[in-house]
N, C-alpha and C. Protein backbone atom coordinates (compact mmCIF):
# COMPACT_ATOMS: atom_id res chain seq x y z
N MET A 1 9.83 43.98 18.78
CA MET A 1 9.97 43.67 17.36
C MET A 1 8.89 44.41 16.60
N SER A 2 9.27 44.86 15.46
CA SER A 2 8.31 45.60 14.66
C SER A 2 7.51 44.63 13.79
N PHE A 3 6.50 45.20 13.17
CA PHE A 3 5.61 44.41 12.34
C PHE A 3 6.33 43.79 11.15
N GLY A 4 7.33 44.45 10.62
CA GLY A 4 8.11 43.95 9.49
C GLY A 4 8.85 42.67 9.82
N TYR A 5 9.36 42.58 11.04
CA TYR A 5 10.04 41.36 11.45
C TYR A 5 9.09 40.18 11.55
N TYR A 6 7.88 40.44 12.00
CA TYR A 6 6.89 39.35 12.06
C TYR A 6 6.53 38.84 10.66
N ILE A 7 6.42 39.75 9.71
CA ILE A 7 6.13 39.34 8.32
C ILE A 7 7.30 38.55 7.76
N LEU A 8 8.52 39.00 8.01
CA LEU A 8 9.70 38.28 7.54
C LEU A 8 9.79 36.90 8.18
N LEU A 9 9.52 36.81 9.47
CA LEU A 9 9.54 35.52 10.17
C LEU A 9 8.45 34.59 9.62
N PHE A 10 7.27 35.13 9.36
CA PHE A 10 6.19 34.33 8.79
C PHE A 10 6.53 33.81 7.40
N MET A 11 7.14 34.65 6.58
CA MET A 11 7.52 34.23 5.23
C MET A 11 8.61 33.16 5.29
N LEU A 12 9.56 33.32 6.18
CA LEU A 12 10.64 32.34 6.33
C LEU A 12 10.08 30.99 6.79
N MET A 13 9.19 31.01 7.76
CA MET A 13 8.58 29.78 8.24
C MET A 13 7.73 29.12 7.14
N SER A 14 7.04 29.92 6.35
CA SER A 14 6.23 29.38 5.25
C SER A 14 7.11 28.69 4.22
N ILE A 15 8.23 29.31 3.88
CA ILE A 15 9.15 28.72 2.90
C ILE A 15 9.72 27.41 3.43
N ILE A 16 10.11 27.38 4.70
CA ILE A 16 10.63 26.14 5.30
C ILE A 16 9.57 25.05 5.29
N PHE A 17 8.33 25.40 5.62
CA PHE A 17 7.24 24.43 5.62
C PHE A 17 6.99 23.88 4.22
N ILE A 18 7.00 24.73 3.21
CA ILE A 18 6.75 24.29 1.84
C ILE A 18 7.86 23.37 1.35
N VAL A 19 9.10 23.68 1.69
CA VAL A 19 10.22 22.84 1.26
C VAL A 19 10.13 21.47 1.93
N ILE A 20 9.88 21.42 3.21
CA ILE A 20 9.78 20.15 3.92
C ILE A 20 8.60 19.33 3.39
N ARG A 21 7.49 19.97 3.17
CA ARG A 21 6.30 19.27 2.65
C ARG A 21 6.56 18.70 1.26
N SER A 22 7.23 19.45 0.41
CA SER A 22 7.51 18.96 -0.94
C SER A 22 8.46 17.77 -0.91
N LEU A 23 9.39 17.77 0.03
CA LEU A 23 10.30 16.63 0.14
C LEU A 23 9.56 15.36 0.56
N PHE A 24 8.60 15.48 1.46
CA PHE A 24 7.84 14.32 1.88
C PHE A 24 6.87 13.86 0.81
N LEU A 25 6.31 14.75 0.04
CA LEU A 25 5.34 14.36 -0.98
C LEU A 25 6.00 13.77 -2.22
N GLN A 26 7.28 14.03 -2.42
CA GLN A 26 7.96 13.48 -3.58
C GLN A 26 8.20 11.98 -3.44
N ARG A 27 8.32 11.52 -2.21
CA ARG A 27 8.49 10.09 -2.00
C ARG A 27 7.21 9.37 -2.36
N LYS A 28 7.36 8.28 -3.06
CA LYS A 28 6.19 7.45 -3.35
C LYS A 28 5.98 6.48 -2.20
N ASN A 29 4.76 6.16 -1.96
CA ASN A 29 4.45 5.21 -0.91
C ASN A 29 4.87 3.81 -1.33
N LEU A 30 5.28 3.03 -0.38
CA LEU A 30 5.70 1.66 -0.64
C LEU A 30 4.55 0.81 -1.19
N PRO A 31 3.32 0.92 -0.67
CA PRO A 31 2.24 0.12 -1.26
C PRO A 31 1.98 0.46 -2.72
N VAL A 32 2.10 1.71 -3.07
CA VAL A 32 1.89 2.12 -4.46
C VAL A 32 2.99 1.56 -5.34
N GLN A 33 4.22 1.59 -4.87
CA GLN A 33 5.33 1.02 -5.65
C GLN A 33 5.15 -0.48 -5.85
N LEU A 34 4.73 -1.17 -4.80
CA LEU A 34 4.51 -2.61 -4.93
C LEU A 34 3.34 -2.91 -5.85
N PHE A 35 2.31 -2.09 -5.82
CA PHE A 35 1.16 -2.27 -6.70
C PHE A 35 1.57 -2.09 -8.16
N VAL A 36 2.40 -1.10 -8.44
CA VAL A 36 2.87 -0.87 -9.81
C VAL A 36 3.75 -2.03 -10.27
N LYS A 37 4.60 -2.52 -9.38
CA LYS A 37 5.45 -3.67 -9.70
C LYS A 37 4.60 -4.90 -10.02
N ALA A 38 3.56 -5.11 -9.24
CA ALA A 38 2.67 -6.24 -9.46
C ALA A 38 1.91 -6.10 -10.78
N LEU A 39 1.49 -4.89 -11.10
CA LEU A 39 0.81 -4.67 -12.38
C LEU A 39 1.72 -5.00 -13.55
N LYS A 40 2.98 -4.61 -13.45
CA LYS A 40 3.94 -4.91 -14.52
C LYS A 40 4.13 -6.42 -14.65
N ASN A 41 4.24 -7.11 -13.52
CA ASN A 41 4.39 -8.56 -13.57
C ASN A 41 3.14 -9.23 -14.15
N GLU A 42 1.99 -8.70 -13.79
CA GLU A 42 0.75 -9.26 -14.31
C GLU A 42 0.64 -9.05 -15.82
N ASN A 43 1.02 -7.89 -16.29
CA ASN A 43 0.97 -7.61 -17.72
C ASN A 43 1.98 -8.44 -18.49
N ASN A 44 3.09 -8.81 -17.86
CA ASN A 44 4.09 -9.64 -18.52
C ASN A 44 3.74 -11.12 -18.46
N GLY A 45 2.71 -11.48 -17.74
CA GLY A 45 2.29 -12.88 -17.65
C GLY A 45 2.89 -13.63 -16.47
N ASN A 46 3.60 -12.94 -15.61
CA ASN A 46 4.20 -13.56 -14.42
C ASN A 46 3.19 -13.48 -13.28
N PHE A 47 2.20 -14.36 -13.31
CA PHE A 47 1.11 -14.28 -12.35
C PHE A 47 1.54 -14.61 -10.92
N ASP A 48 2.46 -15.56 -10.78
CA ASP A 48 2.92 -15.93 -9.44
C ASP A 48 3.67 -14.78 -8.77
N GLU A 49 4.55 -14.12 -9.53
CA GLU A 49 5.30 -12.99 -8.99
C GLU A 49 4.36 -11.82 -8.70
N ALA A 50 3.37 -11.63 -9.55
CA ALA A 50 2.40 -10.56 -9.35
C ALA A 50 1.59 -10.81 -8.08
N LEU A 51 1.22 -12.05 -7.85
CA LEU A 51 0.45 -12.40 -6.66
C LEU A 51 1.25 -12.11 -5.39
N ILE A 52 2.53 -12.44 -5.40
CA ILE A 52 3.38 -12.16 -4.24
C ILE A 52 3.49 -10.65 -4.01
N ALA A 53 3.66 -9.89 -5.08
CA ALA A 53 3.78 -8.44 -4.95
C ALA A 53 2.47 -7.82 -4.47
N TYR A 54 1.33 -8.32 -4.96
CA TYR A 54 0.03 -7.82 -4.50
C TYR A 54 -0.17 -8.11 -3.01
N GLU A 55 0.21 -9.31 -2.58
CA GLU A 55 0.04 -9.65 -1.17
C GLU A 55 0.93 -8.80 -0.27
N SER A 56 2.14 -8.52 -0.70
CA SER A 56 3.00 -7.66 0.10
C SER A 56 2.49 -6.22 0.09
N ALA A 57 1.91 -5.78 -1.04
CA ALA A 57 1.31 -4.44 -1.09
C ALA A 57 0.11 -4.37 -0.15
N LEU A 58 -0.66 -5.45 -0.09
CA LEU A 58 -1.82 -5.48 0.81
C LEU A 58 -1.37 -5.39 2.27
N GLN A 59 -0.29 -6.06 2.61
CA GLN A 59 0.23 -5.98 3.97
C GLN A 59 0.68 -4.56 4.31
N GLU A 60 1.31 -3.89 3.35
CA GLU A 60 1.75 -2.52 3.59
C GLU A 60 0.57 -1.56 3.70
N VAL A 61 -0.47 -1.79 2.90
CA VAL A 61 -1.67 -0.95 2.98
C VAL A 61 -2.34 -1.13 4.33
N ASN A 62 -2.36 -2.35 4.84
CA ASN A 62 -2.96 -2.60 6.15
C ASN A 62 -2.16 -1.91 7.26
N LYS A 63 -0.85 -1.75 7.08
CA LYS A 63 -0.05 -1.05 8.07
C LYS A 63 -0.38 0.44 8.08
N ILE A 64 -0.58 1.01 6.89
CA ILE A 64 -0.81 2.45 6.78
C ILE A 64 -2.26 2.80 7.09
N ARG A 65 -3.19 2.00 6.61
CA ARG A 65 -4.63 2.21 6.80
C ARG A 65 -5.09 3.55 6.24
N PHE A 66 -4.52 3.95 5.12
CA PHE A 66 -4.87 5.23 4.53
C PHE A 66 -5.48 5.08 3.15
N HIS A 67 -5.04 4.10 2.40
CA HIS A 67 -5.49 3.90 1.03
C HIS A 67 -6.63 2.88 0.98
N GLY A 68 -7.84 3.32 1.22
CA GLY A 68 -8.99 2.42 1.20
C GLY A 68 -9.31 1.90 -0.18
N SER A 69 -9.25 2.78 -1.18
CA SER A 69 -9.56 2.36 -2.54
C SER A 69 -8.46 1.45 -3.09
N LEU A 70 -7.21 1.74 -2.74
CA LEU A 70 -6.11 0.88 -3.18
C LEU A 70 -6.24 -0.50 -2.58
N LYS A 71 -6.67 -0.56 -1.33
CA LYS A 71 -6.84 -1.84 -0.66
C LYS A 71 -7.90 -2.68 -1.37
N SER A 72 -9.01 -2.07 -1.76
CA SER A 72 -10.06 -2.83 -2.45
C SER A 72 -9.60 -3.29 -3.82
N LYS A 73 -8.82 -2.46 -4.52
CA LYS A 73 -8.28 -2.86 -5.82
C LYS A 73 -7.33 -4.05 -5.69
N ILE A 74 -6.50 -4.00 -4.66
CA ILE A 74 -5.54 -5.09 -4.45
C ILE A 74 -6.26 -6.39 -4.12
N ILE A 75 -7.29 -6.32 -3.29
CA ILE A 75 -8.05 -7.52 -2.94
C ILE A 75 -8.71 -8.12 -4.18
N GLU A 76 -9.27 -7.27 -5.04
CA GLU A 76 -9.88 -7.77 -6.28
C GLU A 76 -8.84 -8.42 -7.18
N LYS A 77 -7.67 -7.81 -7.29
CA LYS A 77 -6.61 -8.38 -8.12
C LYS A 77 -6.13 -9.71 -7.58
N ILE A 78 -6.04 -9.84 -6.26
CA ILE A 78 -5.59 -11.09 -5.66
C ILE A 78 -6.60 -12.21 -5.95
N LYS A 79 -7.88 -11.90 -5.82
CA LYS A 79 -8.92 -12.90 -6.13
C LYS A 79 -8.84 -13.31 -7.59
N LEU A 80 -8.66 -12.34 -8.47
CA LEU A 80 -8.56 -12.64 -9.90
C LEU A 80 -7.35 -13.49 -10.21
N LEU A 81 -6.22 -13.16 -9.62
CA LEU A 81 -5.01 -13.94 -9.88
C LEU A 81 -5.10 -15.35 -9.34
N HIS A 82 -5.73 -15.53 -8.18
CA HIS A 82 -5.94 -16.88 -7.66
C HIS A 82 -6.78 -17.69 -8.65
N THR A 83 -7.81 -17.08 -9.20
CA THR A 83 -8.66 -17.76 -10.18
C THR A 83 -7.88 -18.09 -11.44
N LEU A 84 -7.08 -17.15 -11.93
CA LEU A 84 -6.28 -17.39 -13.13
C LEU A 84 -5.26 -18.50 -12.93
N ILE A 85 -4.60 -18.49 -11.78
CA ILE A 85 -3.59 -19.51 -11.51
C ILE A 85 -4.24 -20.89 -11.39
N GLU A 86 -5.38 -20.97 -10.70
CA GLU A 86 -6.09 -22.26 -10.60
C GLU A 86 -6.56 -22.73 -11.97
N HIS A 87 -7.03 -21.83 -12.79
CA HIS A 87 -7.48 -22.18 -14.13
C HIS A 87 -6.31 -22.67 -14.98
N ARG A 88 -5.18 -21.98 -14.89
CA ARG A 88 -3.99 -22.38 -15.65
C ARG A 88 -3.48 -23.73 -15.18
N ASN A 89 -3.49 -23.98 -13.87
CA ASN A 89 -3.04 -25.27 -13.34
C ASN A 89 -4.01 -26.39 -13.73
N GLY A 90 -5.28 -26.07 -13.85
CA GLY A 90 -6.26 -27.06 -14.28
C GLY A 90 -6.01 -27.52 -15.71
N PHE A 91 -5.60 -26.61 -16.57
CA PHE A 91 -5.27 -26.97 -17.94
C PHE A 91 -4.01 -27.83 -18.01
N ARG A 92 -3.09 -27.62 -17.14
CA ARG A 92 -1.86 -28.42 -17.14
C ARG A 92 -2.16 -29.86 -16.73
N ILE A 93 -3.08 -30.06 -15.82
CA ILE A 93 -3.40 -31.40 -15.36
C ILE A 93 -4.12 -32.18 -16.46
N ILE A 94 -4.99 -31.52 -17.20
CA ILE A 94 -5.75 -32.20 -18.25
C ILE A 94 -4.84 -32.65 -19.37
N ARG A 95 -3.89 -31.87 -19.72
CA ARG A 95 -3.00 -32.22 -20.84
C ARG A 95 -2.13 -33.33 -20.43
């Protein structure tokens, strides 16, 4: 094989690699999707639904073990939501 065929083969393999890589990167991660869903629920005032979504996102992050910063954000949000829910339930008992 001549040198031209090696260049053509290298270019073809590079194009295939770039296409496959772009297809995998376009997918969003499940923990990120759950985190966004939980943020929307939290902003809408649905704290119980947001807590469930955060906990499921935390489980998915623990499976992947790749998003360290996302894991810490989720843990902080869960602690905050537990405090908010307890505070809201405390007001209901007093009334």
